[in-house]
Amino acid sequence: MVWLVAWCLLVLGLVFLARSAEATEFIRGWIKARAERGRPWTPSTTTPASECGGHRIARFLDALLSCAPCTAAWSAIPAAALVVGLYLLRDSPWFVVMLAASCPFGAVGLMYGFTLISPSQAMAAALAGLSRLKGKKDAEGKTTQAG
């Protein structure tokens, strides 16, 4: 059970670092710029894709980072590798090294998880839903008055 919790925290931490962290924002910007240069050439772009190279990996990473479930699925792979490594090295002195390498990701995942389930997030979502509902009712009222 502890290994499953560790794996979940590592996945959450990796997803946050990949999608939302300010510390990795420059990497996401670089990937997006490189992916845009590798898009197929259209008359509106300045350089054809043949001059820029394929940039297939950058385009893949850009598409991956724009999809939250995709990022979580791909982040599960290194998280599983870390958990398996921790399990295999549990009786070895290298366990401390592996734990030191994986604890920051787990801590970030724990904080991100607490942020996701916080009452302030739930309140913000509820208020956003109420404002959308009010907007729909206002739009319906305007259409019945116009008709």
N, C-alpha and C. Protein backbone atom coordinates (compact mmCIF):
# COMPACT_ATOMS: atom_id res chain seq x y z
N MET A 1 0.82 -1.19 0.00
CA MET A 1 0.00 0.00 0.00
C MET A 1 0.87 1.27 0.00
N VAL A 2 1.95 1.22 0.76
CA VAL A 2 2.85 2.37 0.83
C VAL A 2 3.47 2.63 -0.54
N TRP A 3 3.76 1.58 -1.29
CA TRP A 3 4.37 1.75 -2.60
C TRP A 3 3.40 2.40 -3.58
N LEU A 4 2.12 2.07 -3.46
CA LEU A 4 1.11 2.69 -4.32
C LEU A 4 0.96 4.18 -4.01
N VAL A 5 0.97 4.52 -2.73
CA VAL A 5 0.90 5.93 -2.34
C VAL A 5 2.13 6.68 -2.84
N ALA A 6 3.29 6.07 -2.70
CA ALA A 6 4.52 6.70 -3.18
C ALA A 6 4.45 6.92 -4.69
N TRP A 7 3.95 5.94 -5.41
CA TRP A 7 3.84 6.04 -6.86
C TRP A 7 2.88 7.18 -7.24
N CYS A 8 1.73 7.25 -6.56
CA CYS A 8 0.76 8.31 -6.85
C CYS A 8 1.34 9.70 -6.57
N LEU A 9 2.05 9.83 -5.47
CA LEU A 9 2.66 11.12 -5.15
C LEU A 9 3.72 11.51 -6.17
N LEU A 10 4.49 10.53 -6.61
CA LEU A 10 5.51 10.81 -7.63
C LEU A 10 4.87 11.23 -8.95
N VAL A 11 3.78 10.56 -9.33
CA VAL A 11 3.08 10.94 -10.56
C VAL A 11 2.55 12.36 -10.45
N LEU A 12 1.90 12.69 -9.33
CA LEU A 12 1.40 14.04 -9.14
C LEU A 12 2.52 15.08 -9.20
N GLY A 13 3.63 14.77 -8.57
CA GLY A 13 4.76 15.69 -8.59
C GLY A 13 5.31 15.90 -9.99
N LEU A 14 5.45 14.83 -10.73
CA LEU A 14 5.97 14.95 -12.10
C LEU A 14 5.01 15.69 -13.01
N VAL A 15 3.70 15.46 -12.83
CA VAL A 15 2.71 16.17 -13.65
C VAL A 15 2.76 17.66 -13.35
N PHE A 16 2.84 18.02 -12.06
CA PHE A 16 2.91 19.44 -11.72
C PHE A 16 4.16 20.07 -12.30
N LEU A 17 5.30 19.40 -12.16
CA LEU A 17 6.54 19.96 -12.70
C LEU A 17 6.49 20.08 -14.22
N ALA A 18 5.83 19.15 -14.87
CA ALA A 18 5.78 19.17 -16.33
C ALA A 18 4.81 20.22 -16.86
N ARG A 19 3.71 20.48 -16.14
CA ARG A 19 2.66 21.33 -16.69
C ARG A 19 2.54 22.71 -16.05
N SER A 20 2.84 22.84 -14.77
CA SER A 20 2.45 24.06 -14.08
C SER A 20 3.56 24.80 -13.34
N ALA A 21 4.65 24.18 -13.07
CA ALA A 21 5.68 24.79 -12.23
C ALA A 21 6.36 25.97 -12.94
N GLU A 22 6.60 27.02 -12.17
CA GLU A 22 7.31 28.17 -12.72
C GLU A 22 8.76 27.83 -13.03
N ALA A 23 9.32 26.89 -12.28
CA ALA A 23 10.72 26.54 -12.48
C ALA A 23 10.96 25.86 -13.82
N THR A 24 9.95 25.23 -14.38
CA THR A 24 10.11 24.54 -15.66
C THR A 24 9.43 25.29 -16.80
N GLU A 25 9.01 26.53 -16.55
CA GLU A 25 8.32 27.30 -17.58
C GLU A 25 9.21 27.58 -18.79
N PHE A 26 10.48 27.84 -18.56
CA PHE A 26 11.39 28.13 -19.68
C PHE A 26 11.56 26.90 -20.56
N ILE A 27 11.52 25.71 -19.98
CA ILE A 27 11.63 24.48 -20.77
C ILE A 27 10.38 24.30 -21.62
N ARG A 28 9.21 24.54 -21.03
CA ARG A 28 7.96 24.43 -21.79
C ARG A 28 7.93 25.45 -22.93
N GLY A 29 8.41 26.67 -22.68
CA GLY A 29 8.48 27.68 -23.73
C GLY A 29 9.42 27.29 -24.85
N TRP A 30 10.56 26.71 -24.48
CA TRP A 30 11.52 26.27 -25.48
C TRP A 30 10.94 25.14 -26.33
N ILE A 31 10.24 24.20 -25.68
CA ILE A 31 9.62 23.08 -26.41
C ILE A 31 8.55 23.61 -27.36
N LYS A 32 7.73 24.55 -26.89
CA LYS A 32 6.67 25.10 -27.74
C LYS A 32 7.26 25.85 -28.93
N ALA A 33 8.30 26.64 -28.71
CA ALA A 33 8.93 27.37 -29.82
C ALA A 33 9.55 26.41 -30.82
N ARG A 34 10.20 25.39 -30.32
CA ARG A 34 10.82 24.41 -31.22
C ARG A 34 9.76 23.63 -31.98
N ALA A 35 8.64 23.32 -31.32
CA ALA A 35 7.56 22.60 -31.99
C ALA A 35 6.92 23.46 -33.07
N GLU A 36 6.77 24.76 -32.80
CA GLU A 36 6.18 25.66 -33.79
C GLU A 36 7.08 25.79 -35.02
N ARG A 37 8.39 25.79 -34.81
CA ARG A 37 9.31 25.85 -35.95
C ARG A 37 9.24 24.58 -36.78
N GLY A 38 8.85 23.47 -36.17
CA GLY A 38 8.81 22.21 -36.89
C GLY A 38 7.47 21.88 -37.50
N ARG A 39 6.49 22.76 -37.37
CA ARG A 39 5.18 22.52 -37.97
C ARG A 39 5.31 22.54 -39.49
N PRO A 40 4.42 21.85 -40.18
CA PRO A 40 4.47 21.89 -41.65
C PRO A 40 4.34 23.32 -42.18
N TRP A 41 5.04 23.60 -43.26
CA TRP A 41 5.11 24.94 -43.80
C TRP A 41 3.78 25.33 -44.44
N THR A 42 3.35 26.53 -44.14
CA THR A 42 2.19 27.12 -44.80
C THR A 42 2.63 28.49 -45.31
N PRO A 43 1.89 29.08 -46.21
CA PRO A 43 2.31 30.40 -46.72
C PRO A 43 2.42 31.46 -45.63
N SER A 44 1.72 31.28 -44.50
CA SER A 44 1.79 32.31 -43.44
C SER A 44 3.07 32.20 -42.62
N THR A 45 3.75 31.05 -42.65
CA THR A 45 4.99 30.93 -41.89
C THR A 45 6.15 31.45 -42.72
N THR A 46 7.22 31.81 -42.05
CA THR A 46 8.34 32.45 -42.76
C THR A 46 9.32 31.44 -43.33
N THR A 47 9.52 30.32 -42.66
CA THR A 47 10.48 29.34 -43.17
C THR A 47 9.80 27.99 -43.34
N PRO A 48 10.11 27.29 -44.40
CA PRO A 48 9.54 25.96 -44.58
C PRO A 48 10.08 24.98 -43.56
N ALA A 49 9.31 23.94 -43.28
CA ALA A 49 9.72 22.95 -42.28
C ALA A 49 10.96 22.19 -42.72
N SER A 50 11.20 22.11 -44.03
CA SER A 50 12.39 21.39 -44.50
C SER A 50 13.67 22.09 -44.07
N GLU A 51 13.62 23.42 -43.92
CA GLU A 51 14.80 24.16 -43.47
C GLU A 51 15.00 24.04 -41.96
N CYS A 52 13.92 23.85 -41.22
CA CYS A 52 13.99 23.82 -39.76
C CYS A 52 14.23 22.42 -39.21
N GLY A 53 14.09 21.42 -40.01
CA GLY A 53 14.17 20.06 -39.50
C GLY A 53 12.80 19.61 -39.06
N GLY A 54 12.67 18.34 -38.70
CA GLY A 54 11.36 17.79 -38.35
C GLY A 54 10.85 18.20 -36.99
N HIS A 55 11.74 18.23 -36.01
CA HIS A 55 11.35 18.56 -34.63
C HIS A 55 10.22 17.67 -34.14
N ARG A 56 10.26 16.41 -34.52
CA ARG A 56 9.18 15.49 -34.14
C ARG A 56 9.08 15.32 -32.63
N ILE A 57 10.21 15.25 -31.95
CA ILE A 57 10.18 15.07 -30.50
C ILE A 57 9.59 16.30 -29.83
N ALA A 58 9.95 17.49 -30.29
CA ALA A 58 9.40 18.72 -29.71
C ALA A 58 7.90 18.81 -29.96
N ARG A 59 7.45 18.43 -31.15
CA ARG A 59 6.02 18.44 -31.43
C ARG A 59 5.29 17.44 -30.56
N PHE A 60 5.89 16.26 -30.35
CA PHE A 60 5.29 15.26 -29.47
C PHE A 60 5.20 15.78 -28.04
N LEU A 61 6.28 16.36 -27.54
CA LEU A 61 6.27 16.87 -26.16
C LEU A 61 5.30 18.03 -26.01
N ASP A 62 5.19 18.89 -27.01
CA ASP A 62 4.24 19.99 -26.95
C ASP A 62 2.81 19.48 -26.89
N ALA A 63 2.49 18.50 -27.72
CA ALA A 63 1.15 17.91 -27.68
C ALA A 63 0.91 17.19 -26.36
N LEU A 64 1.94 16.54 -25.85
CA LEU A 64 1.82 15.82 -24.58
C LEU A 64 1.56 16.78 -23.43
N LEU A 65 2.26 17.90 -23.39
CA LEU A 65 2.09 18.86 -22.29
C LEU A 65 0.78 19.61 -22.37
N SER A 66 0.15 19.66 -23.53
CA SER A 66 -1.13 20.35 -23.64
C SER A 66 -2.30 19.47 -23.22
N CYS A 67 -2.06 18.21 -22.95
CA CYS A 67 -3.11 17.25 -22.57
C CYS A 67 -2.78 16.71 -21.17
N ALA A 68 -3.59 17.08 -20.18
CA ALA A 68 -3.32 16.66 -18.79
C ALA A 68 -3.33 15.14 -18.61
N PRO A 69 -4.33 14.42 -19.13
CA PRO A 69 -4.29 12.96 -18.96
C PRO A 69 -3.08 12.30 -19.65
N CYS A 70 -2.68 12.87 -20.78
CA CYS A 70 -1.51 12.32 -21.48
C CYS A 70 -0.25 12.53 -20.65
N THR A 71 -0.12 13.71 -20.07
CA THR A 71 1.04 14.00 -19.23
C THR A 71 1.07 13.07 -18.04
N ALA A 72 -0.08 12.83 -17.43
CA ALA A 72 -0.15 11.92 -16.28
C ALA A 72 0.22 10.50 -16.68
N ALA A 73 -0.26 10.06 -17.81
CA ALA A 73 0.04 8.69 -18.26
C ALA A 73 1.54 8.52 -18.52
N TRP A 74 2.14 9.48 -19.20
CA TRP A 74 3.57 9.36 -19.49
C TRP A 74 4.43 9.61 -18.25
N SER A 75 3.93 10.40 -17.30
CA SER A 75 4.67 10.63 -16.05
C SER A 75 4.63 9.40 -15.15
N ALA A 76 3.67 8.54 -15.37
CA ALA A 76 3.58 7.32 -14.55
C ALA A 76 4.74 6.38 -14.81
N ILE A 77 5.34 6.45 -15.97
CA ILE A 77 6.44 5.55 -16.31
C ILE A 77 7.69 5.84 -15.47
N PRO A 78 8.21 7.08 -15.45
CA PRO A 78 9.37 7.31 -14.58
C PRO A 78 9.03 7.18 -13.10
N ALA A 79 7.78 7.51 -12.73
CA ALA A 79 7.39 7.34 -11.33
C ALA A 79 7.40 5.87 -10.94
N ALA A 80 6.93 5.02 -11.82
CA ALA A 80 6.96 3.58 -11.55
C ALA A 80 8.39 3.08 -11.47
N ALA A 81 9.25 3.60 -12.33
CA ALA A 81 10.66 3.18 -12.29
C ALA A 81 11.31 3.58 -10.96
N LEU A 82 10.97 4.78 -10.46
CA LEU A 82 11.51 5.20 -9.17
C LEU A 82 11.00 4.32 -8.03
N VAL A 83 9.71 3.99 -8.06
CA VAL A 83 9.14 3.15 -7.00
C VAL A 83 9.73 1.75 -7.05
N VAL A 84 9.88 1.18 -8.24
CA VAL A 84 10.49 -0.15 -8.37
C VAL A 84 11.94 -0.10 -7.90
N GLY A 85 12.65 0.96 -8.26
CA GLY A 85 14.02 1.12 -7.79
C GLY A 85 14.10 1.21 -6.27
N LEU A 86 13.17 1.94 -5.67
CA LEU A 86 13.13 2.02 -4.21
C LEU A 86 12.85 0.66 -3.60
N TYR A 87 11.93 -0.08 -4.21
CA TYR A 87 11.58 -1.41 -3.69
C TYR A 87 12.75 -2.38 -3.79
N LEU A 88 13.42 -2.35 -4.92
CA LEU A 88 14.54 -3.28 -5.13
C LEU A 88 15.74 -2.94 -4.26
N LEU A 89 15.91 -1.66 -3.97
CA LEU A 89 17.07 -1.23 -3.19
C LEU A 89 16.76 -1.03 -1.70
N ARG A 90 15.63 -1.54 -1.23
CA ARG A 90 15.21 -1.27 0.15
C ARG A 90 16.17 -1.81 1.20
N ASP A 91 16.95 -2.83 0.89
CA ASP A 91 17.92 -3.38 1.86
C ASP A 91 19.35 -2.98 1.54
N SER A 92 19.51 -2.10 0.58
CA SER A 92 20.84 -1.70 0.13
C SER A 92 21.16 -0.30 0.65
N PRO A 93 22.44 0.02 0.78
CA PRO A 93 22.79 1.40 1.15
C PRO A 93 22.42 2.41 0.07
N TRP A 94 22.23 1.96 -1.17
CA TRP A 94 21.84 2.85 -2.25
C TRP A 94 20.40 3.33 -2.10
N PHE A 95 19.65 2.73 -1.19
CA PHE A 95 18.28 3.15 -0.93
C PHE A 95 18.22 4.62 -0.53
N VAL A 96 19.20 5.04 0.26
CA VAL A 96 19.23 6.44 0.71
C VAL A 96 19.42 7.38 -0.48
N VAL A 97 20.26 7.00 -1.42
CA VAL A 97 20.49 7.82 -2.61
C VAL A 97 19.22 7.89 -3.45
N MET A 98 18.58 6.74 -3.64
CA MET A 98 17.35 6.69 -4.43
C MET A 98 16.23 7.46 -3.73
N LEU A 99 16.17 7.37 -2.43
CA LEU A 99 15.16 8.10 -1.67
C LEU A 99 15.40 9.61 -1.76
N ALA A 100 16.65 10.01 -1.69
CA ALA A 100 16.99 11.43 -1.82
C ALA A 100 16.66 11.96 -3.21
N ALA A 101 16.74 11.10 -4.21
CA ALA A 101 16.42 11.52 -5.57
C ALA A 101 14.92 11.61 -5.80
N SER A 102 14.15 10.77 -5.13
CA SER A 102 12.71 10.74 -5.40
C SER A 102 11.87 11.55 -4.42
N CYS A 103 12.39 11.85 -3.25
CA CYS A 103 11.61 12.60 -2.24
C CYS A 103 11.17 13.98 -2.71
N PRO A 104 11.99 14.76 -3.39
CA PRO A 104 11.48 16.07 -3.84
C PRO A 104 10.26 15.96 -4.76
N PHE A 105 10.25 14.98 -5.64
CA PHE A 105 9.11 14.80 -6.53
C PHE A 105 7.86 14.39 -5.75
N GLY A 106 8.05 13.51 -4.77
CA GLY A 106 6.92 13.11 -3.93
C GLY A 106 6.39 14.26 -3.09
N ALA A 107 7.28 15.10 -2.58
CA ALA A 107 6.85 16.25 -1.79
C ALA A 107 6.07 17.24 -2.64
N VAL A 108 6.55 17.48 -3.85
CA VAL A 108 5.82 18.36 -4.77
C VAL A 108 4.45 17.76 -5.07
N GLY A 109 4.40 16.45 -5.27
CA GLY A 109 3.12 15.79 -5.52
C GLY A 109 2.17 15.90 -4.35
N LEU A 110 2.69 15.80 -3.14
CA LEU A 110 1.86 15.94 -1.95
C LEU A 110 1.27 17.35 -1.86
N MET A 111 2.10 18.34 -2.07
CA MET A 111 1.61 19.72 -2.02
C MET A 111 0.62 20.01 -3.15
N TYR A 112 0.87 19.48 -4.33
CA TYR A 112 -0.04 19.66 -5.46
C TYR A 112 -1.36 18.96 -5.18
N GLY A 113 -1.31 17.78 -4.58
CA GLY A 113 -2.53 17.06 -4.22
C GLY A 113 -3.35 17.83 -3.20
N PHE A 114 -2.68 18.40 -2.21
CA PHE A 114 -3.39 19.22 -1.23
C PHE A 114 -4.02 20.44 -1.88
N THR A 115 -3.35 21.01 -2.85
CA THR A 115 -3.90 22.16 -3.57
C THR A 115 -5.13 21.75 -4.36
N LEU A 116 -5.10 20.59 -4.97
CA LEU A 116 -6.24 20.14 -5.78
C LEU A 116 -7.48 19.88 -4.95
N ILE A 117 -7.31 19.41 -3.72
CA ILE A 117 -8.47 19.08 -2.89
C ILE A 117 -8.77 20.14 -1.84
N SER A 118 -8.17 21.29 -1.96
CA SER A 118 -8.35 22.34 -0.95
C SER A 118 -9.76 22.95 -1.06
N PRO A 119 -10.29 23.41 0.05
CA PRO A 119 -11.62 24.04 0.02
C PRO A 119 -11.67 25.29 -0.85
N SER A 120 -10.59 26.03 -0.93
CA SER A 120 -10.60 27.23 -1.77
C SER A 120 -10.75 26.87 -3.24
N GLN A 121 -10.14 25.77 -3.67
CA GLN A 121 -10.30 25.32 -5.06
C GLN A 121 -11.75 24.89 -5.32
N ALA A 122 -12.34 24.19 -4.37
CA ALA A 122 -13.73 23.76 -4.52
C ALA A 122 -14.66 24.97 -4.57
N MET A 123 -14.39 25.97 -3.74
CA MET A 123 -15.21 27.18 -3.74
C MET A 123 -15.07 27.93 -5.06
N ALA A 124 -13.86 28.02 -5.58
CA ALA A 124 -13.65 28.70 -6.86
C ALA A 124 -14.38 27.98 -7.99
N ALA A 125 -14.35 26.65 -7.97
CA ALA A 125 -15.06 25.88 -9.00
C ALA A 125 -16.56 26.07 -8.88
N ALA A 126 -17.08 26.09 -7.66
CA ALA A 126 -18.51 26.29 -7.46
C ALA A 126 -18.93 27.67 -7.92
N LEU A 127 -18.14 28.69 -7.61
CA LEU A 127 -18.47 30.05 -8.04
C LEU A 127 -18.41 30.18 -9.56
N ALA A 128 -17.45 29.52 -10.18
CA ALA A 128 -17.36 29.56 -11.64
C ALA A 128 -18.58 28.89 -12.26
N GLY A 129 -19.02 27.78 -11.68
CA GLY A 129 -20.22 27.11 -12.18
C GLY A 129 -21.45 27.95 -12.01
N LEU A 130 -21.58 28.63 -10.87
CA LEU A 130 -22.73 29.51 -10.66
C LEU A 130 -22.73 30.69 -11.62
N SER A 131 -21.57 31.24 -11.90
CA SER A 131 -21.50 32.37 -12.84
C SER A 131 -21.84 31.91 -14.26
N ARG A 132 -21.44 30.70 -14.63
CA ARG A 132 -21.82 30.18 -15.96
C ARG A 132 -23.32 29.96 -16.03
N LEU A 133 -23.90 29.44 -14.94
CA LEU A 133 -25.34 29.21 -14.90
C LEU A 133 -26.09 30.54 -14.99
N LYS A 134 -25.61 31.56 -14.29
CA LYS A 134 -26.22 32.88 -14.35
C LYS A 134 -26.10 33.45 -15.75
N GLY A 135 -24.95 33.26 -16.38
CA GLY A 135 -24.76 33.74 -17.75
C GLY A 135 -25.71 33.08 -18.73
N LYS A 136 -25.96 31.78 -18.54
CA LYS A 136 -26.91 31.08 -19.42
C LYS A 136 -28.33 31.59 -19.22
N LYS A 137 -28.70 31.83 -17.96
CA LYS A 137 -30.05 32.34 -17.69
C LYS A 137 -30.22 33.74 -18.25
N ASP A 138 -29.19 34.57 -18.15
CA ASP A 138 -29.25 35.91 -18.72
C ASP A 138 -29.40 35.84 -20.23
N ALA A 139 -28.68 34.92 -20.86
CA ALA A 139 -28.76 34.77 -22.32
C ALA A 139 -30.15 34.28 -22.72
N GLU A 140 -30.74 33.37 -21.94
CA GLU A 140 -32.08 32.88 -22.25
C GLU A 140 -33.11 34.00 -22.10
N GLY A 141 -32.93 34.83 -21.07
CA GLY A 141 -33.83 35.95 -20.86
C GLY A 141 -33.79 36.94 -21.99
N LYS A 142 -32.62 37.19 -22.55
CA LYS A 142 -32.48 38.12 -23.66
C LYS A 142 -33.13 37.58 -24.93
N THR A 143 -33.02 36.25 -25.15
CA THR A 143 -33.63 35.68 -26.36
C THR A 143 -35.14 35.68 -26.27
N THR A 144 -35.70 35.47 -25.08
CA THR A 144 -37.17 35.50 -24.97
C THR A 144 -37.69 36.92 -25.08
N GLN A 145 -36.92 37.91 -24.62
CA GLN A 145 -37.36 39.30 -24.77
C GLN A 145 -37.27 39.75 -26.23
N ALA A 146 -36.26 39.25 -26.94
CA ALA A 146 -36.11 39.65 -28.35
C ALA A 146 -37.17 39.00 -29.22
N GLY A 147 -37.66 37.80 -28.82
CA GLY A 147 -38.62 37.06 -29.64
C GLY A 147 -39.99 37.46 -29.43
